Amino acid sequence: MDRTVRRVAADAVIRWAVERVPPTVREVLARYPDGAPGRSRLGELHRQLEAELRRPSTS
C-alpha cells in the first residue's frame, strides 16, 4: 500500500470513529489538556483523532 492510500484509509477510519463516539467521550476528553503533537505517524493520527473529538459535535 502506498502512502496516499494509507493516508486516505486512516482519514476514513478517523471520520468513522468521530461519527460514532458517544457524547460522554467528548465530555471526558474536554477535562484534560490538549495532547502533545505526535512525533510518529501513529502519534500524528492520535493527535488528529483527539483534535476532531474536541470539536463541537454537529449531531
PDB file of N, CA and C in Angstrom:
ATOM      1  N   MET A   1       0.841  -1.170   0.000  1.00  0.00           N
ATOM      2  CA  MET A   1       0.000   0.000   0.000  1.00  0.00           C
ATOM      3  C   MET A   1       0.893   1.243   0.000  1.00  0.00           C
ATOM      4  N   ASP A   2       0.600   2.179  -0.848  1.00  0.00           N
ATOM      5  CA  ASP A   2       1.421   3.383  -0.869  1.00  0.00           C
ATOM      6  C   ASP A   2       0.914   4.391   0.170  1.00  0.00           C
ATOM      7  N   ARG A   3       1.687   5.454   0.365  1.00  0.00           N
ATOM      8  CA  ARG A   3       1.366   6.445   1.404  1.00  0.00           C
ATOM      9  C   ARG A   3       0.010   7.094   1.210  1.00  0.00           C
ATOM     10  N   THR A   4      -0.328   7.412  -0.020  1.00  0.00           N
ATOM     11  CA  THR A   4      -1.600   8.079  -0.282  1.00  0.00           C
ATOM     12  C   THR A   4      -2.771   7.196   0.129  1.00  0.00           C
ATOM     13  N   VAL A   5      -2.705   5.933  -0.215  1.00  0.00           N
ATOM     14  CA  VAL A   5      -3.780   5.001   0.134  1.00  0.00           C
ATOM     15  C   VAL A   5      -3.875   4.861   1.648  1.00  0.00           C
ATOM     16  N   ARG A   6      -2.738   4.745   2.314  1.00  0.00           N
ATOM     17  CA  ARG A   6      -2.745   4.621   3.782  1.00  0.00           C
ATOM     18  C   ARG A   6      -3.311   5.876   4.426  1.00  0.00           C
ATOM     19  N   ARG A   7      -2.953   7.044   3.904  1.00  0.00           N
ATOM     20  CA  ARG A   7      -3.453   8.304   4.466  1.00  0.00           C
ATOM     21  C   ARG A   7      -4.970   8.410   4.286  1.00  0.00           C
ATOM     22  N   VAL A   8      -5.458   8.076   3.108  1.00  0.00           N
ATOM     23  CA  VAL A   8      -6.900   8.124   2.853  1.00  0.00           C
ATOM     24  C   VAL A   8      -7.629   7.138   3.763  1.00  0.00           C
ATOM     25  N   ALA A   9      -7.071   5.952   3.917  1.00  0.00           N
ATOM     26  CA  ALA A   9      -7.679   4.942   4.786  1.00  0.00           C
ATOM     27  C   ALA A   9      -7.705   5.417   6.235  1.00  0.00           C
ATOM     28  N   ALA A  10      -6.608   5.993   6.704  1.00  0.00           N
ATOM     29  CA  ALA A  10      -6.542   6.494   8.080  1.00  0.00           C
ATOM     30  C   ALA A  10      -7.554   7.609   8.297  1.00  0.00           C
ATOM     31  N   ASP A  11      -7.674   8.521   7.340  1.00  0.00           N
ATOM     32  CA  ASP A  11      -8.653   9.599   7.454  1.00  0.00           C
ATOM     33  C   ASP A  11     -10.077   9.046   7.528  1.00  0.00           C
ATOM     34  N   ALA A  12     -10.348   8.018   6.753  1.00  0.00           N
ATOM     35  CA  ALA A  12     -11.682   7.405   6.758  1.00  0.00           C
ATOM     36  C   ALA A  12     -11.980   6.751   8.103  1.00  0.00           C
ATOM     37  N   VAL A  13     -11.006   6.095   8.681  1.00  0.00           N
ATOM     38  CA  VAL A  13     -11.204   5.452   9.981  1.00  0.00           C
ATOM     39  C   VAL A  13     -11.425   6.505  11.065  1.00  0.00           C
ATOM     40  N   ILE A  14     -10.690   7.595  11.006  1.00  0.00           N
ATOM     41  CA  ILE A  14     -10.881   8.663  11.990  1.00  0.00           C
ATOM     42  C   ILE A  14     -12.277   9.262  11.851  1.00  0.00           C
ATOM     43  N   ARG A  15     -12.711   9.529  10.630  1.00  0.00           N
ATOM     44  CA  ARG A  15     -14.074  10.050  10.424  1.00  0.00           C
ATOM     45  C   ARG A  15     -15.106   9.073  10.972  1.00  0.00           C
ATOM     46  N   TRP A  16     -14.910   7.789  10.699  1.00  0.00           N
ATOM     47  CA  TRP A  16     -15.822   6.748  11.187  1.00  0.00           C
ATOM     48  C   TRP A  16     -15.909   6.797  12.714  1.00  0.00           C
ATOM     49  N   ALA A  17     -14.762   6.869  13.380  1.00  0.00           N
ATOM     50  CA  ALA A  17     -14.730   6.887  14.844  1.00  0.00           C
ATOM     51  C   ALA A  17     -15.394   8.138  15.398  1.00  0.00           C
ATOM     52  N   VAL A  18     -15.104   9.287  14.816  1.00  0.00           N
ATOM     53  CA  VAL A  18     -15.662  10.559  15.293  1.00  0.00           C
ATOM     54  C   VAL A  18     -17.184  10.562  15.150  1.00  0.00           C
ATOM     55  N   GLU A  19     -17.690   9.997  14.087  1.00  0.00           N
ATOM     56  CA  GLU A  19     -19.138   9.960  13.867  1.00  0.00           C
ATOM     57  C   GLU A  19     -19.859   9.058  14.867  1.00  0.00           C
ATOM     58  N   ARG A  20     -19.155   8.120  15.459  1.00  0.00           N
ATOM     59  CA  ARG A  20     -19.791   7.129  16.324  1.00  0.00           C
ATOM     60  C   ARG A  20     -19.476   7.276  17.803  1.00  0.00           C
ATOM     61  N   VAL A  21     -18.621   8.186  18.160  1.00  0.00           N
ATOM     62  CA  VAL A  21     -18.214   8.317  19.561  1.00  0.00           C
ATOM     63  C   VAL A  21     -19.384   8.828  20.406  1.00  0.00           C
ATOM     64  N   PRO A  22     -19.595   8.231  21.574  1.00  0.00           N
ATOM     65  CA  PRO A  22     -20.664   8.724  22.452  1.00  0.00           C
ATOM     66  C   PRO A  22     -20.303  10.109  23.010  1.00  0.00           C
ATOM     67  N   PRO A  23     -21.291  10.928  23.299  1.00  0.00           N
ATOM     68  CA  PRO A  23     -21.031  12.265  23.849  1.00  0.00           C
ATOM     69  C   PRO A  23     -20.192  12.235  25.130  1.00  0.00           C
ATOM     70  N   THR A  24     -20.314  11.187  25.907  1.00  0.00           N
ATOM     71  CA  THR A  24     -19.551  11.080  27.147  1.00  0.00           C
ATOM     72  C   THR A  24     -18.051  11.114  26.889  1.00  0.00           C
ATOM     73  N   VAL A  25     -17.610  10.519  25.802  1.00  0.00           N
ATOM     74  CA  VAL A  25     -16.183  10.513  25.472  1.00  0.00           C
ATOM     75  C   VAL A  25     -15.702  11.940  25.245  1.00  0.00           C
ATOM     76  N   ARG A  26     -16.482  12.731  24.528  1.00  0.00           N
ATOM     77  CA  ARG A  26     -16.119  14.134  24.294  1.00  0.00           C
ATOM     78  C   ARG A  26     -16.067  14.907  25.607  1.00  0.00           C
ATOM     79  N   GLU A  27     -17.031  14.649  26.484  1.00  0.00           N
ATOM     80  CA  GLU A  27     -17.077  15.337  27.774  1.00  0.00           C
ATOM     81  C   GLU A  27     -15.853  15.016  28.625  1.00  0.00           C
ATOM     82  N   VAL A  28     -15.484  13.755  28.678  1.00  0.00           N
ATOM     83  CA  VAL A  28     -14.322  13.352  29.462  1.00  0.00           C
ATOM     84  C   VAL A  28     -13.038  13.922  28.859  1.00  0.00           C
ATOM     85  N   LEU A  29     -12.898  13.847  27.551  1.00  0.00           N
ATOM     86  CA  LEU A  29     -11.711  14.367  26.882  1.00  0.00           C
ATOM     87  C   LEU A  29     -11.541  15.859  27.140  1.00  0.00           C
ATOM     88  N   ALA A  30     -12.654  16.585  27.213  1.00  0.00           N
ATOM     89  CA  ALA A  30     -12.598  18.035  27.446  1.00  0.00           C
ATOM     90  C   ALA A  30     -12.027  18.381  28.819  1.00  0.00           C
ATOM     91  N   ARG A  31     -12.015  17.449  29.745  1.00  0.00           N
ATOM     92  CA  ARG A  31     -11.477  17.686  31.086  1.00  0.00           C
ATOM     93  C   ARG A  31      -9.949  17.690  31.116  1.00  0.00           C
ATOM     94  N   TYR A  32      -9.339  17.194  30.069  1.00  0.00           N
ATOM     95  CA  TYR A  32      -7.886  17.042  30.030  1.00  0.00           C
ATOM     96  C   TYR A  32      -7.260  18.066  29.086  1.00  0.00           C
ATOM     97  N   PRO A  33      -5.995  18.396  29.319  1.00  0.00           N
ATOM     98  CA  PRO A  33      -5.324  19.326  28.396  1.00  0.00           C
ATOM     99  C   PRO A  33      -5.122  18.682  27.026  1.00  0.00           C
ATOM    100  N   ASP A  34      -4.929  19.529  26.041  1.00  0.00           N
ATOM    101  CA  ASP A  34      -4.667  19.032  24.685  1.00  0.00           C
ATOM    102  C   ASP A  34      -3.430  18.146  24.689  1.00  0.00           C
ATOM    103  N   GLY A  35      -3.450  17.141  23.844  1.00  0.00           N
ATOM    104  CA  GLY A  35      -2.309  16.243  23.725  1.00  0.00           C
ATOM    105  C   GLY A  35      -1.141  16.908  23.013  1.00  0.00           C
ATOM    106  N   ALA A  36       0.022  16.354  23.223  1.00  0.00           N
ATOM    107  CA  ALA A  36       1.233  16.857  22.568  1.00  0.00           C
ATOM    108  C   ALA A  36       1.232  16.432  21.105  1.00  0.00           C
ATOM    109  N   PRO A  37       1.878  17.205  20.249  1.00  0.00           N
ATOM    110  CA  PRO A  37       1.976  16.810  18.840  1.00  0.00           C
ATOM    111  C   PRO A  37       2.663  15.452  18.700  1.00  0.00           C
ATOM    112  N   GLY A  38       2.207  14.678  17.735  1.00  0.00           N
ATOM    113  CA  GLY A  38       2.795  13.362  17.510  1.00  0.00           C
ATOM    114  C   GLY A  38       4.148  13.451  16.825  1.00  0.00           C
ATOM    115  N   ARG A  39       5.053  12.570  17.219  1.00  0.00           N
ATOM    116  CA  ARG A  39       6.382  12.533  16.597  1.00  0.00           C
ATOM    117  C   ARG A  39       6.487  11.405  15.575  1.00  0.00           C
ATOM    118  N   SER A  40       5.489  10.553  15.550  1.00  0.00           N
ATOM    119  CA  SER A  40       5.464   9.446  14.588  1.00  0.00           C
ATOM    120  C   SER A  40       4.122   9.502  13.856  1.00  0.00           C
ATOM    121  N   ARG A  41       3.943   8.661  12.880  1.00  0.00           N
ATOM    122  CA  ARG A  41       2.668   8.622  12.156  1.00  0.00           C
ATOM    123  C   ARG A  41       1.540   8.238  13.106  1.00  0.00           C
ATOM    124  N   LEU A  42       1.784   7.284  13.982  1.00  0.00           N
ATOM    125  CA  LEU A  42       0.762   6.892  14.946  1.00  0.00           C
ATOM    126  C   LEU A  42       0.444   8.047  15.890  1.00  0.00           C
ATOM    127  N   GLY A  43       1.467   8.754  16.346  1.00  0.00           N
ATOM    128  CA  GLY A  43       1.259   9.907  17.204  1.00  0.00           C
ATOM    129  C   GLY A  43       0.471  11.003  16.515  1.00  0.00           C
ATOM    130  N   GLU A  44       0.741  11.207  15.239  1.00  0.00           N
ATOM    131  CA  GLU A  44       0.012  12.215  14.470  1.00  0.00           C
ATOM    132  C   GLU A  44      -1.451  11.803  14.292  1.00  0.00           C
ATOM    133  N   LEU A  45      -1.704  10.520  14.065  1.00  0.00           N
ATOM    134  CA  LEU A  45      -3.087  10.045  13.952  1.00  0.00           C
ATOM    135  C   LEU A  45      -3.824  10.221  15.277  1.00  0.00           C
ATOM    136  N   HIS A  46      -3.146   9.948  16.369  1.00  0.00           N
ATOM    137  CA  HIS A  46      -3.739  10.136  17.702  1.00  0.00           C
ATOM    138  C   HIS A  46      -4.099  11.602  17.905  1.00  0.00           C
ATOM    139  N   ARG A  47      -3.196  12.507  17.549  1.00  0.00           N
ATOM    140  CA  ARG A  47      -3.443  13.943  17.695  1.00  0.00           C
ATOM    141  C   ARG A  47      -4.610  14.378  16.822  1.00  0.00           C
ATOM    142  N   GLN A  48      -4.671  13.844  15.606  1.00  0.00           N
ATOM    143  CA  GLN A  48      -5.756  14.187  14.691  1.00  0.00           C
ATOM    144  C   GLN A  48      -7.106  13.716  15.244  1.00  0.00           C
ATOM    145  N   LEU A  49      -7.149  12.497  15.754  1.00  0.00           N
ATOM    146  CA  LEU A  49      -8.377  11.973  16.340  1.00  0.00           C
ATOM    147  C   LEU A  49      -8.794  12.815  17.538  1.00  0.00           C
ATOM    148  N   GLU A  50      -7.849  13.124  18.391  1.00  0.00           N
ATOM    149  CA  GLU A  50      -8.150  13.922  19.577  1.00  0.00           C
ATOM    150  C   GLU A  50      -8.671  15.305  19.192  1.00  0.00           C
ATOM    151  N   ALA A  51      -8.049  15.935  18.219  1.00  0.00           N
ATOM    152  CA  ALA A  51      -8.486  17.265  17.775  1.00  0.00           C
ATOM    153  C   ALA A  51      -9.918  17.208  17.238  1.00  0.00           C
ATOM    154  N   GLU A  52     -10.227  16.182  16.475  1.00  0.00           N
ATOM    155  CA  GLU A  52     -11.584  16.041  15.942  1.00  0.00           C
ATOM    156  C   GLU A  52     -12.598  15.811  17.056  1.00  0.00           C
ATOM    157  N   LEU A  53     -12.220  15.047  18.057  1.00  0.00           N
ATOM    158  CA  LEU A  53     -13.140  14.775  19.163  1.00  0.00           C
ATOM    159  C   LEU A  53     -13.360  16.000  20.036  1.00  0.00           C
ATOM    160  N   ARG A  54     -12.419  16.926  20.040  1.00  0.00           N
ATOM    161  CA  ARG A  54     -12.561  18.145  20.832  1.00  0.00           C
ATOM    162  C   ARG A  54     -13.426  19.199  20.136  1.00  0.00           C
ATOM    163  N   ARG A  55     -13.654  19.044  18.852  1.00  0.00           N
ATOM    164  CA  ARG A  55     -14.518  19.994  18.137  1.00  0.00           C
ATOM    165  C   ARG A  55     -15.967  19.755  18.568  1.00  0.00           C
ATOM    166  N   PRO A  56     -16.769  20.802  18.567  1.00  0.00           N
ATOM    167  CA  PRO A  56     -18.195  20.605  18.905  1.00  0.00           C
ATOM    168  C   PRO A  56     -18.849  19.627  17.943  1.00  0.00           C
ATOM    169  N   SER A  57     -19.667  18.771  18.486  1.00  0.00           N
ATOM    170  CA  SER A  57     -20.372  17.768  17.674  1.00  0.00           C
ATOM    171  C   SER A  57     -21.420  18.452  16.811  1.00  0.00           C
ATOM    172  N   THR A  58     -21.583  17.963  15.597  1.00  0.00           N
ATOM    173  CA  THR A  58     -22.593  18.518  14.702  1.00  0.00           C
ATOM    174  C   THR A  58     -23.897  17.733  14.762  1.00  0.00           C
ATOM    175  N   SER A  59     -23.918  16.693  15.566  1.00  0.00           N
ATOM    176  CA  SER A  59     -25.153  15.888  15.655  1.00  0.00           C
ATOM    177  C   SER A  59     -25.930  16.169  16.917  1.00  0.00           C
TER     178      SER A  59
END
